[in-house]
Amino acid sequence: MEFELIAKTFMGLEPVLSQELTQLGANNVQIGRRMVSFTGDKEMMYRANFQLHTAIRILKPIKHFKARSAEDVYNEVRKIDWSQYITKGKTFVVDSVVYSDEFRNSKFVSYKVKDAIVDQFRETTGDRPNISISNPDIRLHIHIAEDKATLCLDSSGESLHRRGYRQDTVEAPLNEVLAAGMILMSGWKGDTDFIDPMCGSGTLIIEAALIAQNISPGVFRKEYAFEKWPDFDKDLFDEIYNDDSKEKEFNHHIYGYDIDMKAVNTAILNVKAAGLSNVITVQQQDFKNFTCPKEKSIMITNPPYGERISTPNLLGTYKMIGEKLKNEFAGNEAWVLSYREECFDQIGLKPSIKIPVFNGSLECEFRKYVMFSGKMKDFRSEGGIVKTDDEKREMAQKHRFKKNREFKQRLDEQEANEEGDIRSFHFHAFSSRSFQDDDRKRGDRRPKRFGDEERGGNDRRDRKFSGDRARNFSGSRDDKRGGGRFGKDGDRYGKKGDWAGKGRGGDKRFEGNKKFGNKNRFGNEDE
């Protein structure tokens, strides 16, 4: 049976997420604001969580309704048969995002939903389910835009950007979903070498290796929220998890460099945790010592902006980047993500395309540079292409960037990146659809996927996780938390939440906030 689903992402990544969903076989794919809606069955929901590179979380709407007052919210939520979703002894939590004159506090909305659910259980069973903020069995999400409310089950749980391979981090690490989105936007599919000369903790190079080999990013994760649902189909998910038939050989190589030895060691640690040492090389090197690669390559990099990472001579760094690209990278493509217009000016090269994307709360640009030797006239006469027809059409579009955009100013809380995703979005109607969950017997909870003797001979682990990956999954310092999860959970993206946000309903940050809550809330995990 098909049902509605919503994939959340960052502003600017909606087109690549839409393309990923289409390739995955999703139906009725439609782009919204920081989200893509689609339809599919249970297998599609599992695959979307497990295989998508650019989704932050996957939501399953269970009800749309008008919410003109707190009583409307309470009454509509009470109408749902919650015994389908929350079985005896299970805990739940309610996250909420609100854009409404009627509801000025998301925490209040969360309480109303919680009260309606608890009151229904008290009335029907004489008992009540418990709330768990940190590790609930069922996570619910309600989104209210003016008087339009959508209540969803969160099938992901922890944000999907938390792949599980990150064992350590450096200052201002690039979000994994954003990194994957940048690579997919570049069009690179593993057909050349890949270089990041300022690789930091290695996010771009690791995401590039996963994309090049078509490895599902979910292979490192410990668990998903849907594994605690009453209708969880363990056998179906095991089949998806162990299917590596779509993976492919990568016949080139990926290189990461950084001037900071701590960053280099961190990147090496993360690469080993992902079991990708055979295709990734990380070395200490200042970009000013970069020399022309022997093989055809693409360069994608995220230099410091001067916002979170201080650089003694920021403009000088960007001038050096431009000089190295001109002198040492002819015949190749370079993509640079940055924030300040004056930094791009120092590069001194004309970009083929400028793509607006958000890195946290900063509206950045992702620019492509086609490098060639000699004069452009000669390059074109020899068949060289500086700007494709698609890039020309894209650049010709108006309003691609905010009017009078100031690079030095942080976004106001009511700017585009904080707009409601579904305020005017039309969801697919299913007149014959029922939200009744399958009557399939749940069975035992799925064993941990890595380092678990109970699982026995996991073919995928035996085949794929030999070497670095197997050692790290079985011997990581975080084994006590489950074999598939690595690293620090405290990186800057994973705290506050957004449309499909984490813990938003019960967070003290939002007490007493105005209509849109805390102005610093975007720029985090579920942006």
Protein backbone atom coordinates (compact mmCIF):
# COMPACT_ATOMS: atom_id res chain seq x y z
CA MET A 1 0.00 0.00 0.00
CA GLU A 2 1.34 3.43 -0.95
CA PHE A 3 1.24 6.38 1.40
CA GLU A 4 2.59 9.92 1.62
CA LEU A 5 6.15 10.54 2.69
CA ILE A 6 8.22 13.67 3.21
CA ALA A 7 12.00 13.86 2.88
CA LYS A 8 13.53 16.84 4.69
CA THR A 9 16.71 18.50 3.42
CA PHE A 10 18.65 21.77 3.43
CA MET A 11 17.63 24.80 1.43
CA GLY A 12 19.20 24.49 -2.01
CA LEU A 13 19.46 20.69 -2.02
CA GLU A 14 15.83 20.01 -2.98
CA PRO A 15 16.58 19.33 -6.69
CA VAL A 16 19.30 16.75 -6.00
CA LEU A 17 17.14 15.07 -3.35
CA SER A 18 14.28 14.94 -5.85
CA GLN A 19 16.60 13.32 -8.38
CA GLU A 20 17.76 10.78 -5.79
CA LEU A 21 14.15 9.87 -4.96
CA THR A 22 13.24 9.49 -8.62
CA GLN A 23 16.22 7.18 -9.19
CA LEU A 24 15.18 5.23 -6.10
CA GLY A 25 11.78 4.58 -7.69
CA ALA A 26 9.61 6.89 -5.60
CA ASN A 27 6.30 8.03 -7.09
CA ASN A 28 4.68 11.48 -7.23
CA VAL A 29 7.91 13.28 -6.41
CA GLN A 30 7.30 17.00 -5.78
CA ILE A 31 9.74 19.66 -4.60
CA GLY A 32 8.75 21.91 -1.72
CA ARG A 33 10.70 24.26 0.51
CA ARG A 34 13.48 22.35 2.22
CA MET A 35 11.55 19.17 1.58
CA VAL A 36 10.50 16.82 -1.17
CA SER A 37 7.21 14.95 -0.95
CA PHE A 38 6.75 11.56 -2.56
CA THR A 39 4.70 8.39 -2.26
CA GLY A 40 5.77 4.84 -1.69
CA ASP A 41 5.26 1.70 0.33
CA LYS A 42 7.05 0.43 3.42
CA GLU A 43 10.01 -0.76 1.39
CA MET A 44 10.40 2.69 -0.16
CA MET A 45 10.33 4.29 3.30
CA TYR A 46 13.05 1.93 4.51
CA ARG A 47 15.14 2.52 1.37
CA ALA A 48 14.74 6.31 1.60
CA ASN A 49 16.19 6.27 5.12
CA PHE A 50 18.94 3.84 4.24
CA GLN A 51 20.02 4.95 0.76
CA LEU A 52 19.42 8.69 0.31
CA HIS A 53 22.55 10.84 0.57
CA THR A 54 20.81 14.24 0.80
CA ALA A 55 17.85 13.64 3.15
CA ILE A 56 17.91 14.79 6.77
CA ARG A 57 14.91 12.71 7.84
CA ILE A 58 11.91 10.88 6.42
CA LEU A 59 8.46 11.69 7.78
CA LYS A 60 5.25 9.72 7.31
CA PRO A 61 2.18 11.99 7.54
CA ILE A 62 -0.73 10.37 9.34
CA LYS A 63 -3.18 13.27 9.38
CA HIS A 64 -3.77 16.71 7.84
CA PHE A 65 -6.29 18.98 9.54
CA LYS A 66 -7.31 22.58 10.19
CA ALA A 67 -5.92 23.97 13.43
CA ARG A 68 -7.59 27.29 14.22
CA SER A 69 -7.31 26.86 17.98
CA ALA A 70 -5.72 24.71 20.66
CA GLU A 71 -9.03 22.87 20.98
CA ASP A 72 -8.90 21.96 17.28
CA VAL A 73 -5.46 20.43 17.75
CA TYR A 74 -6.56 18.46 20.81
CA ASN A 75 -9.80 17.21 19.25
CA GLU A 76 -8.26 16.21 15.90
CA VAL A 77 -5.41 14.33 17.56
CA ARG A 78 -7.90 12.53 19.84
CA LYS A 79 -9.71 11.19 16.75
CA ILE A 80 -6.68 9.09 15.73
CA ASP A 81 -6.57 5.51 17.00
CA TRP A 82 -3.23 5.74 18.76
CA SER A 83 -3.17 2.07 19.67
CA GLN A 84 -2.02 1.49 16.07
CA TYR A 85 1.19 3.39 16.72
CA ILE A 86 1.96 3.31 20.45
CA THR A 87 1.68 -0.13 22.01
CA LYS A 88 1.63 -0.87 25.72
CA GLY A 89 4.85 -0.04 27.54
CA LYS A 90 6.21 2.14 24.73
CA THR A 91 7.35 5.74 25.12
CA PHE A 92 6.84 8.67 22.78
CA VAL A 93 7.78 12.29 22.25
CA VAL A 94 6.23 15.12 20.23
CA ASP A 95 8.32 17.59 18.23
CA SER A 96 6.62 20.66 16.80
CA VAL A 97 7.32 23.51 14.41
CA VAL A 98 4.82 26.35 14.34
CA TYR A 99 4.32 29.33 12.00
CA SER A 100 1.04 30.83 13.14
CA ASP A 101 -0.47 33.91 14.76
CA GLU A 102 -2.71 31.63 16.81
CA PHE A 103 0.10 29.45 18.17
CA ARG A 104 3.14 31.40 19.26
CA ASN A 105 4.87 28.67 21.22
CA SER A 106 5.81 25.30 19.75
CA LYS A 107 6.12 23.79 23.22
CA PHE A 108 2.45 24.56 23.89
CA VAL A 109 1.44 22.73 20.71
CA SER A 110 3.53 19.72 21.71
CA TYR A 111 1.77 19.63 25.08
CA LYS A 112 -1.65 19.70 23.41
CA VAL A 113 -0.77 16.75 21.18
CA LYS A 114 0.67 14.86 24.11
CA ASP A 115 -2.40 15.53 26.26
CA ALA A 116 -4.75 14.28 23.55
CA ILE A 117 -2.81 11.03 23.17
CA VAL A 118 -2.47 10.41 26.90
CA ASP A 119 -6.15 11.20 27.56
CA GLN A 120 -7.23 8.74 24.87
CA PHE A 121 -5.19 5.93 26.43
CA ARG A 122 -6.49 6.74 29.91
CA GLU A 123 -10.05 6.61 28.66
CA THR A 124 -9.70 3.38 26.66
CA THR A 125 -7.19 1.37 28.74
CA GLY A 126 -6.99 3.11 32.11
CA ASP A 127 -3.25 3.42 31.59
CA ARG A 128 -1.04 5.99 29.88
CA PRO A 129 2.17 5.84 27.81
CA ASN A 130 5.23 7.64 29.09
CA ILE A 131 7.16 10.48 27.54
CA SER A 132 10.85 10.03 26.72
CA ILE A 133 12.79 13.00 25.40
CA SER A 134 16.15 11.33 24.91
CA ASN A 135 15.28 7.90 23.49
CA PRO A 136 11.57 7.51 22.68
CA ASP A 137 10.14 4.44 20.99
CA ILE A 138 7.87 6.60 18.84
CA ARG A 139 8.70 10.11 17.68
CA LEU A 140 5.87 12.30 16.42
CA HIS A 141 6.16 15.58 14.58
CA ILE A 142 3.48 18.25 14.11
CA HIS A 143 3.92 21.15 11.71
CA ILE A 144 1.46 24.06 11.80
CA ALA A 145 1.52 26.80 9.16
CA GLU A 146 -1.22 29.34 9.90
CA ASP A 147 -4.23 27.00 10.21
CA LYS A 148 -2.86 24.02 8.26
CA ALA A 149 -1.54 21.23 10.46
CA THR A 150 0.28 18.06 9.47
CA LEU A 151 0.93 15.35 12.03
CA CYS A 152 3.66 12.86 11.11
CA LEU A 153 5.50 9.83 12.35
CA ASP A 154 9.25 10.40 12.22
CA SER A 155 10.70 7.25 10.66
CA SER A 156 14.36 8.30 10.98
CA GLY A 157 14.92 9.18 14.62
CA GLU A 158 18.40 10.63 14.82
CA SER A 159 19.09 12.95 11.88
CA LEU A 160 20.25 11.10 8.79
CA HIS A 161 23.30 13.32 8.47
CA ARG A 162 24.73 11.36 11.40
CA ARG A 163 26.07 8.59 9.22
CA GLY A 164 28.00 6.83 11.97
CA TYR A 165 31.53 6.93 10.58
CA ARG A 166 32.63 10.15 12.29
CA GLN A 167 34.90 9.21 15.19
CA ASP A 168 36.29 12.66 15.76
CA THR A 169 35.81 16.13 14.36
CA VAL A 170 37.49 19.50 13.93
CA GLU A 171 36.19 23.02 14.35
CA ALA A 172 33.18 23.85 12.12
CA PRO A 173 32.86 20.48 10.35
CA LEU A 174 30.87 20.34 7.13
CA ASN A 175 27.50 18.62 7.49
CA GLU A 176 27.48 15.22 5.76
CA VAL A 177 24.21 15.87 3.93
CA LEU A 178 25.47 19.20 2.62
CA ALA A 179 28.74 17.60 1.54
CA ALA A 180 26.90 14.88 -0.38
CA GLY A 181 24.63 17.47 -1.95
CA MET A 182 27.61 19.50 -3.16
CA ILE A 183 29.13 16.44 -4.79
CA LEU A 184 25.88 15.43 -6.48
CA MET A 185 25.31 19.02 -7.69
CA SER A 186 28.73 18.95 -9.33
CA GLY A 187 27.66 15.97 -11.43
CA TRP A 188 30.68 13.92 -10.38
CA LYS A 189 29.96 10.18 -10.33
CA GLY A 190 33.40 8.74 -9.74
CA ASP A 191 34.65 9.08 -13.32
CA THR A 192 37.81 11.03 -12.35
CA ASP A 193 40.06 11.51 -9.37
CA PHE A 194 38.62 13.68 -6.57
CA ILE A 195 40.61 16.27 -4.60
CA ASP A 196 39.78 18.33 -1.50
CA PRO A 197 42.85 20.46 -0.66
CA MET A 198 41.30 21.71 2.61
CA CYS A 199 39.63 18.52 3.77
CA GLY A 200 39.32 19.18 7.52
CA SER A 201 37.93 16.05 9.20
CA GLY A 202 37.33 14.43 5.80
CA THR A 203 33.59 14.79 5.27
CA LEU A 204 33.75 15.66 1.56
CA ILE A 205 36.24 12.94 0.67
CA ILE A 206 34.32 10.26 2.58
CA GLU A 207 30.98 11.27 1.06
CA ALA A 208 32.66 11.27 -2.36
CA ALA A 209 33.87 7.70 -1.81
CA LEU A 210 30.37 6.55 -0.83
CA ILE A 211 28.85 8.20 -3.93
CA ALA A 212 31.57 6.88 -6.26
CA GLN A 213 30.97 3.31 -5.09
CA ASN A 214 27.22 3.72 -4.61
CA ILE A 215 27.49 2.63 -0.98
CA SER A 216 24.36 3.41 1.02
CA PRO A 217 25.18 5.97 3.74
CA GLY A 218 22.90 4.13 6.17
CA VAL A 219 25.24 1.15 6.29
CA PHE A 220 27.09 2.71 9.23
CA ARG A 221 24.07 3.59 11.38
CA LYS A 222 23.06 1.75 14.50
CA GLU A 223 19.29 2.12 14.19
CA TYR A 224 16.30 3.95 12.75
CA ALA A 225 13.10 5.03 14.46
CA PHE A 226 10.97 2.77 12.26
CA GLU A 227 12.65 -0.28 13.82
CA LYS A 228 10.62 0.43 16.98
CA TRP A 229 7.29 0.71 15.16
CA PRO A 230 4.69 -2.01 15.80
CA ASP A 231 4.60 -2.94 12.10
CA PHE A 232 8.39 -3.08 11.61
CA ASP A 233 9.25 -5.74 9.03
CA LYS A 234 12.64 -7.05 10.13
CA ASP A 235 13.06 -9.44 7.22
CA LEU A 236 12.32 -6.74 4.66
CA PHE A 237 14.82 -4.34 6.18
CA ASP A 238 17.45 -7.07 6.52
CA GLU A 239 17.03 -7.76 2.82
CA ILE A 240 17.53 -4.06 1.99
CA TYR A 241 20.43 -3.76 4.38
CA ASN A 242 22.32 -6.77 3.03
CA ASP A 243 21.73 -5.99 -0.66
CA ASP A 244 24.95 -4.59 -2.12
CA SER A 245 24.14 -5.51 -5.72
CA LYS A 246 24.04 -1.85 -6.77
CA GLU A 247 27.51 -1.07 -5.45
CA LYS A 248 30.19 -0.52 -8.08
CA GLU A 249 33.93 -0.42 -8.58
CA PHE A 250 35.76 2.88 -8.32
CA ASN A 251 38.77 2.91 -10.61
CA HIS A 252 40.16 6.29 -9.65
CA HIS A 253 41.35 7.78 -6.36
CA ILE A 254 40.36 10.40 -3.79
CA TYR A 255 42.87 12.76 -2.18
CA GLY A 256 42.43 14.90 0.90
CA TYR A 257 44.94 17.48 2.12
CA ASP A 258 45.05 19.92 5.01
CA ILE A 259 47.66 22.22 6.50
CA ASP A 260 46.60 21.25 10.04
CA MET A 261 48.09 17.94 11.21
CA LYS A 262 45.29 17.48 13.74
CA ALA A 263 42.74 17.69 10.94
CA VAL A 264 44.76 15.22 8.87
CA ASN A 265 44.87 12.70 11.73
CA THR A 266 41.14 13.16 12.33
CA ALA A 267 40.36 12.61 8.65
CA ILE A 268 42.51 9.47 8.57
CA LEU A 269 40.67 8.16 11.63
CA ASN A 270 37.27 8.80 10.02
CA VAL A 271 38.32 7.29 6.69
CA LYS A 272 39.45 4.12 8.49
CA ALA A 273 36.18 4.00 10.44
CA ALA A 274 34.32 4.04 7.13
CA GLY A 275 36.58 1.30 5.73
CA LEU A 276 37.60 3.48 2.77
CA SER A 277 41.39 3.61 3.13
CA ASN A 278 41.79 1.73 -0.13
CA VAL A 279 40.30 4.58 -2.18
CA ILE A 280 41.18 7.66 -0.06
CA THR A 281 44.61 9.10 0.72
CA VAL A 282 44.94 11.89 3.31
CA GLN A 283 48.16 13.89 3.69
CA GLN A 284 49.37 17.08 5.32
CA GLN A 285 49.95 19.79 2.73
CA ASP A 286 49.51 23.53 2.49
CA PHE A 287 47.38 24.48 -0.51
CA LYS A 288 50.12 26.89 -1.59
CA ASN A 289 52.26 23.80 -2.31
CA PHE A 290 49.56 22.15 -4.43
CA THR A 291 50.84 20.87 -7.77
CA CYS A 292 49.05 19.79 -10.94
CA PRO A 293 47.59 16.28 -10.55
CA LYS A 294 48.78 13.60 -12.96
CA GLU A 295 45.26 12.33 -13.67
CA LYS A 296 42.11 14.21 -14.68
CA SER A 297 40.47 15.42 -11.49
CA ILE A 298 37.66 17.38 -9.94
CA MET A 299 38.28 19.60 -6.94
CA ILE A 300 35.52 20.35 -4.42
CA THR A 301 36.46 22.29 -1.33
CA ASN A 302 35.07 24.34 1.54
CA PRO A 303 37.69 26.93 2.56
CA PRO A 304 37.38 28.91 5.80
CA TYR A 305 34.95 31.85 5.68
CA GLY A 306 36.27 33.78 8.68
CA GLU A 307 33.01 33.12 10.56
CA ARG A 308 33.72 30.13 12.77
CA ILE A 309 37.33 29.51 11.74
CA SER A 310 39.72 32.45 12.03
CA THR A 311 42.37 32.77 9.35
CA PRO A 312 45.23 35.28 9.66
CA ASN A 313 44.92 36.46 6.06
CA LEU A 314 41.52 35.37 4.76
CA LEU A 315 41.58 37.36 1.52
CA GLY A 316 45.15 36.30 0.87
CA THR A 317 44.09 32.68 1.21
CA TYR A 318 41.45 33.08 -1.48
CA LYS A 319 43.87 34.92 -3.75
CA MET A 320 46.27 32.00 -3.39
CA ILE A 321 43.43 29.57 -4.22
CA GLY A 322 42.77 31.44 -7.47
CA GLU A 323 46.44 31.47 -8.41
CA LYS A 324 46.85 27.75 -7.75
CA LEU A 325 43.76 26.92 -9.80
CA LYS A 326 45.03 29.01 -12.73
CA ASN A 327 48.58 27.68 -12.63
CA GLU A 328 48.16 24.09 -11.45
CA PHE A 329 44.68 22.87 -12.39
CA ALA A 330 44.24 23.46 -16.12
CA GLY A 331 41.99 20.97 -17.87
CA ASN A 332 39.96 20.26 -14.75
CA GLU A 333 36.92 21.56 -12.82
CA ALA A 334 37.00 23.17 -9.38
CA TRP A 335 34.02 23.86 -7.11
CA VAL A 336 34.31 26.22 -4.14
CA LEU A 337 31.79 26.76 -1.33
CA SER A 338 32.15 30.07 0.45
CA TYR A 339 30.26 32.92 2.06
CA ARG A 340 31.84 36.31 1.49
CA GLU A 341 31.65 38.07 -1.86
CA GLU A 342 35.00 39.69 -1.21
CA CYS A 343 36.55 36.24 -0.85
CA PHE A 344 35.19 35.10 -4.21
CA ASP A 345 36.49 38.35 -5.73
CA GLN A 346 40.00 37.46 -4.60
CA ILE A 347 39.86 34.16 -6.48
CA GLY A 348 39.83 36.29 -9.61
CA LEU A 349 38.16 33.72 -11.86
CA LYS A 350 34.84 33.83 -13.66
CA PRO A 351 32.54 31.05 -12.45
CA SER A 352 30.44 28.94 -14.80
CA ILE A 353 27.61 28.80 -12.31
CA LYS A 354 26.74 30.09 -8.86
CA ILE A 355 24.42 27.94 -6.76
CA PRO A 356 22.91 29.39 -3.55
CA VAL A 357 23.05 26.93 -0.65
CA PHE A 358 22.92 27.26 3.11
CA ASN A 359 25.72 26.15 5.38
CA GLY A 360 24.10 26.41 8.77
CA SER A 361 22.66 29.90 9.05
CA LEU A 362 24.89 31.32 6.32
CA GLU A 363 23.60 31.77 2.77
CA CYS A 364 26.64 30.65 0.82
CA GLU A 365 27.45 30.19 -2.84
CA PHE A 366 28.74 27.05 -4.47
CA ARG A 367 30.70 28.15 -7.55
CA LYS A 368 32.08 26.12 -10.42
CA TYR A 369 35.29 27.07 -12.22
CA VAL A 370 36.31 25.43 -15.52
CA MET A 371 40.09 25.68 -15.77
CA PHE A 372 41.97 25.78 -19.08
CA SER A 373 45.29 26.96 -20.47
CA GLY A 374 45.65 29.90 -22.84
CA LYS A 375 42.86 32.13 -24.10
CA MET A 376 39.15 31.35 -23.80
CA LYS A 377 38.71 31.89 -27.53
CA ASP A 378 41.22 29.12 -28.28
CA PHE A 379 39.69 26.86 -25.60
CA ARG A 380 36.24 27.20 -27.15
CA SER A 381 37.51 26.73 -30.70
CA GLU A 382 38.95 23.39 -29.61
CA GLY A 383 35.56 22.26 -28.33
CA GLY A 384 35.97 23.32 -24.72
CA ILE A 385 32.78 24.20 -22.79
CA VAL A 386 32.91 26.86 -20.10
CA LYS A 387 29.20 26.95 -19.39
CA THR A 388 26.68 24.26 -20.40
CA ASP A 389 23.22 25.09 -21.75
CA ASP A 390 21.69 23.95 -18.46
CA GLU A 391 24.03 26.24 -16.53
CA LYS A 392 23.15 29.16 -18.81
CA ARG A 393 19.44 28.59 -18.18
CA GLU A 394 20.02 28.26 -14.45
CA MET A 395 22.03 31.47 -14.25
CA ALA A 396 19.40 33.31 -16.30
CA GLN A 397 16.73 32.70 -13.68
CA LYS A 398 15.76 35.73 -11.65
CA HIS A 399 15.53 35.82 -7.89
CA ARG A 400 18.03 32.99 -7.46
CA PHE A 401 19.52 34.96 -4.59
CA LYS A 402 17.98 37.27 -2.04
CA LYS A 403 17.62 40.81 -3.29
CA ASN A 404 20.41 43.10 -2.08
CA ARG A 405 22.06 40.17 -0.32
CA GLU A 406 24.76 41.16 2.13
CA PHE A 407 27.38 38.47 2.66
CA LYS A 408 28.49 39.95 5.96
CA GLN A 409 25.06 39.81 7.58
CA ARG A 410 23.62 36.70 9.18
CA LEU A 411 20.15 35.80 8.04
CA ASP A 412 17.19 37.35 9.74
CA GLU A 413 14.92 34.81 11.44
CA GLN A 414 12.18 35.38 8.87
CA GLU A 415 14.41 34.91 5.80
CA ALA A 416 13.89 32.23 3.19
CA ASN A 417 15.74 29.51 5.04
CA GLU A 418 13.29 29.78 7.92
CA GLU A 419 10.09 29.78 5.88
CA GLY A 420 7.55 27.04 6.42
CA ASP A 421 8.06 24.18 4.02
CA ILE A 422 4.45 23.20 3.46
CA ARG A 423 2.45 26.35 4.07
CA SER A 424 1.10 26.30 0.54
CA PHE A 425 2.13 22.80 -0.42
CA HIS A 426 -0.45 20.45 -1.89
CA PHE A 427 -0.25 16.93 -0.56
CA HIS A 428 -1.45 13.94 -2.52
CA ALA A 429 -4.90 12.78 -1.56
CA PHE A 430 -5.57 9.10 -1.14
CA SER A 431 -9.28 8.58 -0.89
CA SER A 432 -8.88 4.86 -0.43
CA ARG A 433 -5.88 5.13 1.84
CA SER A 434 -6.04 3.91 5.37
CA PHE A 435 -3.39 4.64 7.92
CA GLN A 436 -4.01 1.27 9.53
CA ASP A 437 -0.66 -0.39 10.04
CA ASP A 438 -0.05 -3.93 8.88
CA ASP A 439 -1.26 -6.74 11.11
CA ARG A 440 2.08 -8.47 10.61
CA LYS A 441 3.46 -9.94 13.82
CA ARG A 442 6.37 -7.83 14.95
CA GLY A 443 8.62 -10.62 16.18
CA ASP A 444 11.88 -10.08 18.01
CA ARG A 445 13.62 -6.76 17.82
CA ARG A 446 16.26 -6.66 15.11
CA PRO A 447 19.71 -7.48 16.51
CA LYS A 448 22.46 -4.92 16.27
CA ARG A 449 23.82 -5.03 12.76
CA PHE A 450 27.54 -4.98 13.48
CA GLY A 451 29.68 -6.84 15.94
CA ASP A 452 26.66 -8.83 17.16
CA GLU A 453 27.21 -12.55 17.62
CA GLU A 454 23.46 -12.98 17.79
CA ARG A 455 23.22 -11.98 14.16
CA GLY A 456 25.46 -14.81 13.09
CA GLY A 457 27.03 -14.83 9.65
CA ASN A 458 26.08 -11.43 8.30
CA ASP A 459 27.03 -11.84 4.66
CA ARG A 460 27.34 -8.13 4.13
CA ARG A 461 29.58 -7.66 7.11
CA ASP A 462 31.74 -10.62 6.11
CA ARG A 463 32.06 -9.40 2.51
CA LYS A 464 32.11 -5.65 2.92
CA PHE A 465 33.45 -4.97 6.37
CA SER A 466 36.72 -6.80 6.29
CA GLY A 467 39.82 -4.74 6.93
CA ASP A 468 39.42 -1.23 8.32
CA ARG A 469 35.66 -1.22 8.46
CA ALA A 470 35.33 -4.55 10.24
CA ARG A 471 37.97 -3.66 12.80
CA ASN A 472 36.37 -0.37 13.62
CA PHE A 473 32.89 -1.77 13.91
CA SER A 474 34.03 -4.57 16.20
CA GLY A 475 36.65 -2.68 18.15
CA SER A 476 35.54 0.94 18.29
CA ARG A 477 35.70 2.81 21.55
CA ASP A 478 31.96 3.28 21.17
CA ASP A 479 31.14 -0.43 20.95
CA LYS A 480 29.13 -0.27 24.14
CA ARG A 481 26.69 2.01 22.33
CA GLY A 482 26.17 -0.33 19.43
CA GLY A 483 28.43 -1.47 16.68
CA GLY A 484 27.36 0.98 14.01
CA ARG A 485 27.65 4.35 15.70
CA PHE A 486 30.83 6.35 15.92
CA GLY A 487 32.10 9.65 17.07
CA LYS A 488 30.87 12.61 18.96
CA ASP A 489 27.23 13.45 18.82
CA GLY A 490 27.94 17.04 19.74
CA ASP A 491 28.85 18.46 16.37
CA ARG A 492 27.34 21.81 15.65
CA TYR A 493 24.52 20.60 13.44
CA GLY A 494 22.90 18.16 15.79
CA LYS A 495 21.28 20.16 18.54
CA LYS A 496 18.27 22.24 17.77
CA GLY A 497 16.12 21.01 14.97
CA ASP A 498 13.70 22.47 12.48
CA TRP A 499 10.73 21.28 10.36
CA ALA A 500 11.42 17.73 11.38
CA GLY A 501 13.39 18.87 14.38
CA LYS A 502 14.67 16.98 17.38
CA GLY A 503 13.20 17.61 20.81
CA ARG A 504 11.73 20.92 19.83
CA GLY A 505 8.54 20.57 21.75
CA GLY A 506 10.19 20.17 25.13
CA ASP A 507 13.18 22.43 24.79
CA LYS A 508 13.55 25.31 27.23
CA ARG A 509 15.11 27.41 24.49
CA PHE A 510 11.66 27.97 23.05
CA GLU A 511 9.89 29.08 26.20
CA GLY A 512 8.55 32.59 25.79
CA ASN A 513 9.81 32.96 22.27
CA LYS A 514 8.00 35.05 19.74
CA LYS A 515 6.18 33.76 16.73
CA PHE A 516 9.17 32.08 15.14
CA GLY A 517 10.92 30.91 18.27
CA ASN A 518 14.64 31.18 18.81
CA LYS A 519 16.35 33.09 16.05
CA ASN A 520 19.41 30.86 16.25
CA ARG A 521 17.48 27.65 15.81
CA PHE A 522 18.28 27.25 12.13
CA GLY A 523 21.75 26.27 11.08
CA ASN A 524 21.58 22.94 12.82
CA GLU A 525 20.78 19.32 12.31
CA ASP A 526 17.34 19.61 10.74
CA GLU A 527 17.63 22.86 8.96
